[in-house]
């Protein structure tokens, strides 16, 4: 059975240990501020977050995907943005986004297997094409 601990361990298996860093989305910046609603969102939602004049604290993180804390900020690198809105009644809204057109797997278990299939070969620094092909064929 896939557990959160096994998934975290897989990231470390693929990327190596990096004490003091997150296992995934390792390189990034944290942000904090507030979301000031203009009221325009009420056309689409009844949620109080969008009421005109509502100001909601927000925290977040912009990061590169993967588990390498010193990864290059290359243009083709996938990026992520995660935000947490904290409403006055204690409710939290969380959202996470990656800038890829499609996520190639649909289950946590498939993602777990994909991590290993895409593990870079130490000699080339690139995933083994045969291993990736076998993963996607399965």
N, C-alpha and C. Protein backbone atom coordinates (compact mmCIF):
# COMPACT_ATOMS: atom_id res chain seq x y z
N UNK A 1 0.84 -1.19 0.00
CA UNK A 1 0.00 0.00 0.00
C UNK A 1 0.88 1.25 0.00
N UNK A 2 0.53 2.19 -0.83
CA UNK A 2 1.29 3.43 -0.90
C UNK A 2 0.89 4.32 0.28
N UNK A 3 1.88 4.77 1.01
CA UNK A 3 1.66 5.65 2.15
C UNK A 3 2.41 6.96 1.91
N UNK A 4 2.05 8.02 2.65
CA UNK A 4 2.82 9.26 2.51
C UNK A 4 4.31 9.05 2.75
N UNK A 5 4.65 8.23 3.74
CA UNK A 5 6.07 7.99 4.04
C UNK A 5 6.78 7.30 2.87
N UNK A 6 6.12 6.33 2.23
CA UNK A 6 6.74 5.64 1.09
C UNK A 6 6.95 6.62 -0.06
N UNK A 7 5.99 7.51 -0.29
CA UNK A 7 6.13 8.49 -1.37
C UNK A 7 7.30 9.43 -1.08
N UNK A 8 7.40 9.90 0.14
CA UNK A 8 8.51 10.77 0.52
C UNK A 8 9.84 10.03 0.35
N UNK A 9 9.87 8.77 0.77
CA UNK A 9 11.09 7.97 0.61
C UNK A 9 11.47 7.80 -0.86
N UNK A 10 10.48 7.69 -1.74
CA UNK A 10 10.77 7.54 -3.18
C UNK A 10 11.44 8.79 -3.72
N UNK A 11 10.99 9.96 -3.30
CA UNK A 11 11.64 11.20 -3.73
C UNK A 11 13.10 11.19 -3.33
N UNK A 12 13.38 10.75 -2.11
CA UNK A 12 14.77 10.71 -1.65
C UNK A 12 15.55 9.64 -2.40
N UNK A 13 14.92 8.53 -2.71
CA UNK A 13 15.57 7.46 -3.47
C UNK A 13 15.99 7.97 -4.85
N UNK A 14 15.14 8.76 -5.47
CA UNK A 14 15.40 9.25 -6.82
C UNK A 14 16.37 10.43 -6.82
N UNK A 15 16.21 11.34 -5.87
CA UNK A 15 16.99 12.59 -5.89
C UNK A 15 18.15 12.62 -4.93
N UNK A 16 18.22 11.63 -4.04
CA UNK A 16 19.26 11.64 -3.02
C UNK A 16 18.80 12.45 -1.82
N UNK A 17 19.49 12.27 -0.69
CA UNK A 17 19.13 13.02 0.51
C UNK A 17 19.67 14.45 0.43
N UNK A 18 18.85 15.39 0.85
CA UNK A 18 19.25 16.80 0.91
C UNK A 18 18.73 17.36 2.23
N UNK A 19 19.44 17.06 3.35
CA UNK A 19 18.96 17.50 4.67
C UNK A 19 18.67 19.00 4.70
N UNK A 20 17.55 19.34 5.31
CA UNK A 20 17.16 20.74 5.43
C UNK A 20 16.31 21.23 4.28
N UNK A 21 16.09 20.38 3.27
CA UNK A 21 15.29 20.76 2.11
C UNK A 21 14.05 19.87 2.01
N UNK A 22 13.02 20.38 1.37
CA UNK A 22 11.84 19.58 1.07
C UNK A 22 12.23 18.46 0.12
N UNK A 23 11.45 17.38 0.07
CA UNK A 23 11.76 16.26 -0.82
C UNK A 23 11.33 16.55 -2.26
N UNK A 24 10.27 17.31 -2.46
CA UNK A 24 9.80 17.66 -3.80
C UNK A 24 9.55 19.17 -3.82
N UNK A 25 9.63 19.75 -5.01
CA UNK A 25 9.52 21.21 -5.13
C UNK A 25 10.56 21.82 -4.20
N UNK A 26 11.75 21.25 -4.25
CA UNK A 26 12.82 21.54 -3.31
C UNK A 26 13.33 22.97 -3.41
N UNK A 27 13.52 23.44 -4.63
CA UNK A 27 14.05 24.80 -4.81
C UNK A 27 12.89 25.76 -5.01
N UNK A 28 12.79 26.73 -4.13
CA UNK A 28 11.68 27.67 -4.27
C UNK A 28 11.75 28.82 -3.30
N UNK A 29 10.73 29.64 -3.36
CA UNK A 29 10.61 30.82 -2.51
C UNK A 29 9.25 30.82 -1.84
N UNK A 30 9.21 31.19 -0.58
CA UNK A 30 7.94 31.33 0.12
C UNK A 30 7.48 32.78 -0.01
N UNK A 31 6.17 32.96 -0.02
CA UNK A 31 5.59 34.30 -0.15
C UNK A 31 4.48 34.44 0.88
N UNK A 32 4.19 35.66 1.26
CA UNK A 32 3.04 35.94 2.10
C UNK A 32 2.51 37.31 1.73
N UNK A 33 1.23 37.48 1.96
CA UNK A 33 0.60 38.75 1.63
C UNK A 33 -0.89 38.65 1.86
N UNK A 34 -1.64 39.33 1.04
CA UNK A 34 -3.09 39.29 1.18
C UNK A 34 -3.74 39.33 -0.19
N UNK A 35 -4.93 38.76 -0.25
CA UNK A 35 -5.76 38.77 -1.45
C UNK A 35 -6.88 39.76 -1.19
N UNK A 36 -6.94 40.82 -1.99
CA UNK A 36 -7.98 41.84 -1.85
C UNK A 36 -9.00 41.63 -2.97
N UNK A 37 -10.19 41.21 -2.59
CA UNK A 37 -11.24 40.92 -3.58
C UNK A 37 -11.83 42.20 -4.15
N UNK A 38 -11.98 42.22 -5.46
CA UNK A 38 -12.60 43.37 -6.13
C UNK A 38 -14.11 43.23 -6.20
N UNK A 39 -14.60 42.02 -5.96
CA UNK A 39 -16.02 41.74 -6.09
C UNK A 39 -16.38 41.12 -7.42
N UNK A 40 -15.46 41.15 -8.39
CA UNK A 40 -15.75 40.60 -9.72
C UNK A 40 -15.97 39.09 -9.66
N UNK A 41 -15.38 38.41 -8.70
CA UNK A 41 -15.52 36.96 -8.59
C UNK A 41 -16.91 36.51 -8.21
N UNK A 42 -17.72 37.42 -7.67
CA UNK A 42 -19.07 37.04 -7.26
C UNK A 42 -19.96 36.68 -8.45
N UNK A 43 -19.53 37.03 -9.64
CA UNK A 43 -20.28 36.61 -10.85
C UNK A 43 -20.15 35.10 -11.05
N UNK A 44 -19.08 34.51 -10.51
CA UNK A 44 -18.80 33.09 -10.71
C UNK A 44 -18.99 32.25 -9.45
N UNK A 45 -18.98 32.88 -8.28
CA UNK A 45 -19.00 32.11 -7.03
C UNK A 45 -19.70 32.89 -5.93
N UNK A 46 -20.36 32.15 -5.04
CA UNK A 46 -20.98 32.76 -3.85
C UNK A 46 -20.02 32.79 -2.68
N UNK A 47 -18.82 32.27 -2.84
CA UNK A 47 -17.85 32.19 -1.75
C UNK A 47 -17.52 33.58 -1.22
N UNK A 48 -17.50 33.71 0.10
CA UNK A 48 -17.21 34.98 0.74
C UNK A 48 -15.85 35.54 0.40
N UNK A 49 -14.93 34.69 0.03
CA UNK A 49 -13.58 35.14 -0.34
C UNK A 49 -13.63 36.21 -1.44
N UNK A 50 -14.63 36.12 -2.31
CA UNK A 50 -14.70 37.01 -3.47
C UNK A 50 -15.54 38.27 -3.23
N UNK A 51 -16.08 38.45 -2.04
CA UNK A 51 -16.91 39.63 -1.75
C UNK A 51 -16.07 40.89 -1.85
N UNK A 52 -16.65 41.91 -2.47
CA UNK A 52 -15.95 43.19 -2.64
C UNK A 52 -15.45 43.70 -1.30
N UNK A 53 -14.18 44.08 -1.26
CA UNK A 53 -13.59 44.64 -0.07
C UNK A 53 -13.00 43.61 0.90
N UNK A 54 -13.26 42.34 0.68
CA UNK A 54 -12.72 41.30 1.57
C UNK A 54 -11.21 41.22 1.35
N UNK A 55 -10.46 41.24 2.41
CA UNK A 55 -9.01 41.09 2.37
C UNK A 55 -8.67 39.83 3.16
N UNK A 56 -8.03 38.88 2.49
CA UNK A 56 -7.74 37.58 3.08
C UNK A 56 -6.24 37.33 3.09
N UNK A 57 -5.69 36.93 4.24
CA UNK A 57 -4.26 36.59 4.27
C UNK A 57 -3.98 35.39 3.36
N UNK A 58 -2.83 35.42 2.70
CA UNK A 58 -2.43 34.32 1.82
C UNK A 58 -0.95 34.05 2.00
N UNK A 59 -0.61 32.77 2.04
CA UNK A 59 0.78 32.33 2.08
C UNK A 59 0.99 31.40 0.91
N UNK A 60 2.20 31.31 0.43
CA UNK A 60 2.42 30.42 -0.69
C UNK A 60 3.88 30.11 -0.93
N UNK A 61 4.06 29.37 -2.01
CA UNK A 61 5.40 28.96 -2.39
C UNK A 61 5.45 28.81 -3.90
N UNK A 62 6.42 29.46 -4.51
CA UNK A 62 6.72 29.28 -5.93
C UNK A 62 7.99 28.44 -5.99
N UNK A 63 7.97 27.38 -6.81
CA UNK A 63 9.09 26.45 -6.79
C UNK A 63 9.29 25.77 -8.13
N UNK A 64 10.45 25.14 -8.26
CA UNK A 64 10.70 24.24 -9.37
C UNK A 64 10.26 22.85 -8.93
N UNK A 65 9.71 22.05 -9.83
CA UNK A 65 9.35 20.69 -9.45
C UNK A 65 10.62 19.85 -9.35
N UNK A 66 10.51 18.78 -8.60
CA UNK A 66 11.65 17.88 -8.44
C UNK A 66 12.34 18.07 -7.11
N UNK A 67 13.31 17.24 -6.88
CA UNK A 67 13.97 17.19 -5.59
C UNK A 67 15.41 17.64 -5.58
N UNK A 68 15.80 18.51 -6.49
CA UNK A 68 17.18 18.99 -6.53
C UNK A 68 17.24 20.44 -6.06
N UNK A 69 17.82 20.70 -4.88
CA UNK A 69 17.83 22.06 -4.35
C UNK A 69 18.67 23.05 -5.14
N UNK A 70 19.58 22.56 -5.97
CA UNK A 70 20.43 23.46 -6.73
C UNK A 70 20.17 23.35 -8.24
N UNK A 71 18.96 22.95 -8.60
CA UNK A 71 18.59 22.80 -10.02
C UNK A 71 18.70 24.15 -10.73
N UNK A 72 19.06 24.08 -11.99
CA UNK A 72 19.15 25.31 -12.80
C UNK A 72 17.75 25.86 -13.05
N UNK A 73 17.65 27.16 -13.12
CA UNK A 73 16.38 27.82 -13.43
C UNK A 73 16.18 27.89 -14.94
N UNK A 74 16.32 26.75 -15.60
CA UNK A 74 16.20 26.71 -17.06
C UNK A 74 14.77 27.03 -17.48
N UNK A 75 14.64 27.60 -18.66
CA UNK A 75 13.33 28.00 -19.16
C UNK A 75 12.35 26.83 -19.25
N UNK A 76 12.83 25.65 -19.61
CA UNK A 76 11.95 24.50 -19.79
C UNK A 76 11.59 23.80 -18.47
N UNK A 77 12.18 24.22 -17.36
CA UNK A 77 11.91 23.58 -16.08
C UNK A 77 10.46 23.83 -15.65
N UNK A 78 9.78 22.77 -15.22
CA UNK A 78 8.41 22.91 -14.74
C UNK A 78 8.42 23.65 -13.42
N UNK A 79 7.47 24.58 -13.29
CA UNK A 79 7.35 25.38 -12.08
C UNK A 79 6.01 25.12 -11.40
N UNK A 80 5.96 25.44 -10.12
CA UNK A 80 4.72 25.25 -9.37
C UNK A 80 4.43 26.49 -8.53
N UNK A 81 3.15 26.62 -8.20
CA UNK A 81 2.71 27.67 -7.29
C UNK A 81 1.66 27.05 -6.38
N UNK A 82 1.89 27.14 -5.09
CA UNK A 82 0.93 26.66 -4.10
C UNK A 82 0.53 27.84 -3.22
N UNK A 83 -0.77 27.98 -2.97
CA UNK A 83 -1.27 29.08 -2.15
C UNK A 83 -2.21 28.56 -1.08
N UNK A 84 -2.19 29.22 0.07
CA UNK A 84 -3.13 28.92 1.15
C UNK A 84 -3.78 30.23 1.60
N UNK A 85 -5.10 30.30 1.44
CA UNK A 85 -5.88 31.45 1.87
C UNK A 85 -6.47 31.10 3.24
N UNK A 86 -6.32 31.98 4.23
CA UNK A 86 -6.84 31.74 5.57
C UNK A 86 -8.00 32.69 5.82
N UNK A 87 -9.21 32.13 5.87
CA UNK A 87 -10.41 32.94 6.05
C UNK A 87 -10.67 33.22 7.53
N UNK A 88 -11.44 34.26 7.84
CA UNK A 88 -11.64 34.68 9.23
C UNK A 88 -12.24 33.60 10.14
N UNK A 89 -13.05 32.70 9.60
CA UNK A 89 -13.70 31.68 10.42
C UNK A 89 -12.79 30.46 10.64
N UNK A 90 -11.53 30.54 10.22
CA UNK A 90 -10.60 29.44 10.38
C UNK A 90 -10.53 28.50 9.18
N UNK A 91 -11.46 28.68 8.24
CA UNK A 91 -11.44 27.86 7.02
C UNK A 91 -10.19 28.18 6.22
N UNK A 92 -9.64 27.17 5.55
CA UNK A 92 -8.48 27.37 4.68
C UNK A 92 -8.82 26.90 3.28
N UNK A 93 -8.38 27.66 2.31
CA UNK A 93 -8.46 27.24 0.92
C UNK A 93 -7.03 27.00 0.47
N UNK A 94 -6.79 25.84 -0.14
CA UNK A 94 -5.45 25.53 -0.65
C UNK A 94 -5.55 25.20 -2.13
N UNK A 95 -4.57 25.68 -2.86
CA UNK A 95 -4.53 25.38 -4.29
C UNK A 95 -3.08 25.16 -4.70
N UNK A 96 -2.88 24.28 -5.65
CA UNK A 96 -1.55 24.03 -6.17
C UNK A 96 -1.61 23.91 -7.69
N UNK A 97 -0.64 24.48 -8.35
CA UNK A 97 -0.61 24.49 -9.81
C UNK A 97 0.79 24.19 -10.32
N UNK A 98 0.87 23.47 -11.42
CA UNK A 98 2.13 23.25 -12.14
C UNK A 98 1.93 23.75 -13.56
N UNK A 99 2.97 24.28 -14.18
CA UNK A 99 2.83 24.84 -15.51
C UNK A 99 3.12 23.81 -16.61
N UNK A 100 2.48 22.66 -16.52
CA UNK A 100 2.60 21.66 -17.59
C UNK A 100 1.22 21.47 -18.21
N UNK A 101 1.17 21.19 -19.50
CA UNK A 101 -0.14 21.10 -20.17
C UNK A 101 -0.94 19.87 -19.76
N UNK A 102 -0.28 18.82 -19.32
CA UNK A 102 -0.98 17.61 -18.91
C UNK A 102 -0.13 16.89 -17.88
N UNK A 103 -0.78 16.32 -16.88
CA UNK A 103 -0.05 15.51 -15.90
C UNK A 103 -0.13 14.08 -16.42
N UNK A 104 0.99 13.39 -16.60
CA UNK A 104 0.99 12.13 -17.35
C UNK A 104 0.40 10.91 -16.62
N UNK A 105 0.07 11.03 -15.35
CA UNK A 105 -0.49 9.89 -14.62
C UNK A 105 -1.73 10.36 -13.86
N UNK A 106 -2.58 9.37 -13.48
CA UNK A 106 -3.83 9.77 -12.83
C UNK A 106 -3.98 9.32 -11.40
N UNK A 107 -3.05 8.53 -10.88
CA UNK A 107 -3.16 8.06 -9.51
C UNK A 107 -1.86 8.29 -8.75
N UNK A 108 -1.93 8.38 -7.43
CA UNK A 108 -0.69 8.50 -6.64
C UNK A 108 0.24 7.31 -6.87
N UNK A 109 -0.33 6.12 -7.02
CA UNK A 109 0.50 4.93 -7.24
C UNK A 109 1.28 5.02 -8.55
N UNK A 110 0.61 5.51 -9.60
CA UNK A 110 1.28 5.67 -10.89
C UNK A 110 2.38 6.74 -10.80
N UNK A 111 2.11 7.81 -10.05
CA UNK A 111 3.12 8.85 -9.87
C UNK A 111 4.33 8.28 -9.13
N UNK A 112 4.09 7.46 -8.13
CA UNK A 112 5.16 6.80 -7.38
C UNK A 112 6.06 5.99 -8.31
N UNK A 113 5.46 5.22 -9.21
CA UNK A 113 6.21 4.42 -10.18
C UNK A 113 6.90 5.30 -11.22
N UNK A 114 6.24 6.38 -11.62
CA UNK A 114 6.83 7.29 -12.61
C UNK A 114 8.11 7.91 -12.07
N UNK A 115 8.13 8.25 -10.78
CA UNK A 115 9.34 8.83 -10.20
C UNK A 115 10.55 7.95 -10.43
N UNK A 116 10.40 6.66 -10.19
CA UNK A 116 11.52 5.73 -10.37
C UNK A 116 11.85 5.56 -11.85
N UNK A 117 10.83 5.49 -12.69
CA UNK A 117 11.07 5.31 -14.13
C UNK A 117 11.83 6.50 -14.72
N UNK A 118 11.61 7.68 -14.17
CA UNK A 118 12.24 8.89 -14.70
C UNK A 118 13.53 9.27 -13.96
N UNK A 119 13.97 8.42 -13.06
CA UNK A 119 15.20 8.70 -12.30
C UNK A 119 16.37 8.86 -13.27
N UNK A 120 17.09 9.97 -13.18
CA UNK A 120 18.23 10.18 -14.08
C UNK A 120 19.32 9.13 -13.89
N UNK A 121 19.90 8.71 -14.98
CA UNK A 121 21.04 7.81 -14.98
C UNK A 121 22.25 8.63 -14.52
N UNK A 122 23.00 8.17 -13.53
CA UNK A 122 24.15 8.94 -13.05
C UNK A 122 25.18 9.25 -14.15
N UNK A 123 25.30 8.38 -15.14
CA UNK A 123 26.29 8.58 -16.20
C UNK A 123 25.89 9.69 -17.17
N UNK A 124 24.59 9.82 -17.43
CA UNK A 124 24.14 10.79 -18.44
C UNK A 124 23.40 11.98 -17.84
N UNK A 125 22.89 11.81 -16.62
CA UNK A 125 22.07 12.87 -16.03
C UNK A 125 20.67 12.91 -16.60
N UNK A 126 20.32 11.96 -17.44
CA UNK A 126 19.01 11.91 -18.11
C UNK A 126 18.32 10.59 -17.76
N UNK A 127 16.98 10.58 -17.81
CA UNK A 127 16.28 9.31 -17.59
C UNK A 127 16.63 8.29 -18.68
N UNK A 128 16.59 7.03 -18.32
CA UNK A 128 16.83 5.94 -19.26
C UNK A 128 15.61 5.83 -20.18
N UNK A 129 15.76 6.09 -21.50
CA UNK A 129 14.62 6.05 -22.41
C UNK A 129 13.90 4.70 -22.40
N UNK A 130 14.64 3.60 -22.27
CA UNK A 130 13.99 2.27 -22.27
C UNK A 130 13.13 2.10 -21.03
N UNK A 131 13.61 2.57 -19.90
CA UNK A 131 12.83 2.45 -18.65
C UNK A 131 11.56 3.30 -18.73
N UNK A 132 11.67 4.51 -19.29
CA UNK A 132 10.48 5.36 -19.46
C UNK A 132 9.49 4.73 -20.42
N UNK A 133 10.00 4.17 -21.53
CA UNK A 133 9.14 3.54 -22.51
C UNK A 133 8.38 2.37 -21.88
N UNK A 134 9.08 1.59 -21.08
CA UNK A 134 8.43 0.44 -20.41
C UNK A 134 7.37 0.92 -19.43
N UNK A 135 7.66 2.01 -18.70
CA UNK A 135 6.69 2.55 -17.76
C UNK A 135 5.42 2.98 -18.47
N UNK A 136 5.57 3.76 -19.54
CA UNK A 136 4.38 4.26 -20.24
C UNK A 136 3.64 3.14 -20.99
N UNK A 137 4.36 2.12 -21.42
CA UNK A 137 3.70 0.98 -22.05
C UNK A 137 2.85 0.20 -21.04
N UNK A 138 3.33 0.15 -19.81
CA UNK A 138 2.59 -0.58 -18.76
C UNK A 138 1.38 0.21 -18.35
